[in-house]
N, C-alpha and C. Protein backbone atom coordinates (compact mmCIF):
# COMPACT_ATOMS: atom_id res chain seq x y z
N MET A 1 0.82 -1.19 0.00
CA MET A 1 0.00 0.00 0.00
C MET A 1 0.87 1.26 0.00
N TYR A 2 1.98 1.23 0.72
CA TYR A 2 2.88 2.38 0.84
C TYR A 2 3.31 2.91 -0.53
N LYS A 3 3.76 2.02 -1.39
CA LYS A 3 4.27 2.45 -2.70
C LYS A 3 3.18 3.12 -3.53
N ILE A 4 1.99 2.57 -3.48
CA ILE A 4 0.88 3.12 -4.26
C ILE A 4 0.52 4.52 -3.75
N VAL A 5 0.38 4.64 -2.43
CA VAL A 5 0.00 5.93 -1.85
C VAL A 5 1.09 6.96 -2.13
N LYS A 6 2.33 6.57 -2.01
CA LYS A 6 3.45 7.50 -2.26
C LYS A 6 3.42 7.98 -3.71
N ARG A 7 3.22 7.07 -4.64
CA ARG A 7 3.18 7.43 -6.06
C ARG A 7 2.01 8.37 -6.34
N PHE A 8 0.84 8.07 -5.80
CA PHE A 8 -0.33 8.91 -6.03
C PHE A 8 -0.15 10.28 -5.39
N TYR A 9 0.48 10.35 -4.23
CA TYR A 9 0.74 11.64 -3.58
C TYR A 9 1.70 12.48 -4.42
N GLU A 10 2.75 11.84 -4.89
CA GLU A 10 3.74 12.55 -5.70
C GLU A 10 3.15 13.07 -7.00
N ARG A 11 2.16 12.39 -7.53
CA ARG A 11 1.50 12.81 -8.78
C ARG A 11 0.36 13.79 -8.53
N GLY A 12 0.08 14.10 -7.27
CA GLY A 12 -0.97 15.06 -6.95
C GLY A 12 -2.36 14.47 -6.91
N ILE A 13 -2.46 13.15 -7.00
CA ILE A 13 -3.76 12.50 -6.96
C ILE A 13 -4.29 12.46 -5.52
N TYR A 14 -3.40 12.21 -4.56
CA TYR A 14 -3.76 12.21 -3.14
C TYR A 14 -3.22 13.46 -2.48
N SER A 15 -4.01 14.02 -1.55
CA SER A 15 -3.58 15.16 -0.74
C SER A 15 -3.07 14.63 0.61
N THR A 16 -2.57 15.52 1.44
CA THR A 16 -2.13 15.11 2.78
C THR A 16 -3.31 14.55 3.58
N ASP A 17 -4.51 15.11 3.37
CA ASP A 17 -5.70 14.58 4.05
C ASP A 17 -5.98 13.14 3.63
N ASP A 18 -5.82 12.88 2.34
CA ASP A 18 -6.03 11.52 1.84
C ASP A 18 -5.03 10.55 2.49
N VAL A 19 -3.78 10.97 2.56
CA VAL A 19 -2.75 10.11 3.14
C VAL A 19 -3.03 9.87 4.62
N SER A 20 -3.50 10.90 5.32
CA SER A 20 -3.81 10.73 6.75
C SER A 20 -4.93 9.73 6.96
N ARG A 21 -5.84 9.62 6.02
CA ARG A 21 -6.91 8.62 6.14
C ARG A 21 -6.35 7.20 6.09
N PHE A 22 -5.28 7.00 5.33
CA PHE A 22 -4.64 5.68 5.31
C PHE A 22 -4.00 5.36 6.66
N VAL A 23 -3.48 6.38 7.33
CA VAL A 23 -2.91 6.16 8.67
C VAL A 23 -4.04 5.81 9.64
N LEU A 24 -5.13 6.54 9.59
CA LEU A 24 -6.26 6.28 10.47
C LEU A 24 -6.84 4.88 10.27
N SER A 25 -6.81 4.40 9.04
CA SER A 25 -7.36 3.06 8.76
C SER A 25 -6.37 1.94 9.10
N GLY A 26 -5.11 2.33 9.40
CA GLY A 26 -4.11 1.32 9.74
C GLY A 26 -3.34 0.79 8.55
N SER A 27 -3.58 1.36 7.37
CA SER A 27 -2.88 0.90 6.18
C SER A 27 -1.46 1.46 6.09
N LEU A 28 -1.22 2.61 6.73
CA LEU A 28 0.11 3.22 6.78
C LEU A 28 0.44 3.56 8.23
N THR A 29 1.72 3.64 8.52
CA THR A 29 2.16 4.09 9.84
C THR A 29 2.41 5.59 9.80
N SER A 30 2.54 6.19 10.98
CA SER A 30 2.84 7.63 11.02
C SER A 30 4.22 7.91 10.44
N ALA A 31 5.15 6.97 10.57
CA ALA A 31 6.48 7.14 9.97
C ALA A 31 6.39 7.13 8.45
N GLU A 32 5.54 6.27 7.90
CA GLU A 32 5.35 6.24 6.44
C GLU A 32 4.68 7.53 5.97
N TYR A 33 3.75 8.05 6.77
CA TYR A 33 3.12 9.33 6.44
C TYR A 33 4.18 10.42 6.32
N LYS A 34 5.08 10.47 7.30
CA LYS A 34 6.14 11.48 7.27
C LYS A 34 7.04 11.30 6.06
N ASP A 35 7.36 10.06 5.73
CA ASP A 35 8.21 9.80 4.57
C ASP A 35 7.53 10.26 3.27
N ILE A 36 6.23 10.06 3.18
CA ILE A 36 5.50 10.42 1.97
C ILE A 36 5.30 11.93 1.86
N THR A 37 4.86 12.56 2.96
CA THR A 37 4.47 13.97 2.90
C THR A 37 5.58 14.93 3.32
N GLY A 38 6.55 14.43 4.08
CA GLY A 38 7.62 15.31 4.59
C GLY A 38 7.27 16.03 5.86
N THR A 39 6.06 15.77 6.40
CA THR A 39 5.66 16.39 7.65
C THR A 39 5.25 15.31 8.65
N ASP A 40 5.33 15.65 9.93
CA ASP A 40 4.92 14.72 10.97
C ASP A 40 3.41 14.52 10.93
N TYR A 41 3.00 13.30 11.24
CA TYR A 41 1.57 13.00 11.31
C TYR A 41 1.04 13.44 12.67
N THR A 42 -0.02 14.22 12.65
CA THR A 42 -0.69 14.60 13.89
C THR A 42 -2.17 14.32 13.74
N THR A 43 -2.79 13.93 14.81
CA THR A 43 -4.22 13.64 14.77
C THR A 43 -4.99 14.94 14.97
N ALA A 44 -6.14 15.01 14.36
CA ALA A 44 -7.01 16.19 14.52
C ALA A 44 -7.64 16.13 15.90
N GLU A 45 -7.61 17.24 16.57
CA GLU A 45 -8.18 17.27 17.93
C GLU A 45 -9.35 18.20 18.01
């Protein structure tokens, strides 16, 4: 899943919000989120 999400993010198909949904669903880790987006993953409060 990581490679697909990373590729789609780099192509502008997925936004940071889209990538965060993969973290919430358990498909990606917060470390993978940071690697893909370049920013730390934080939960909405």
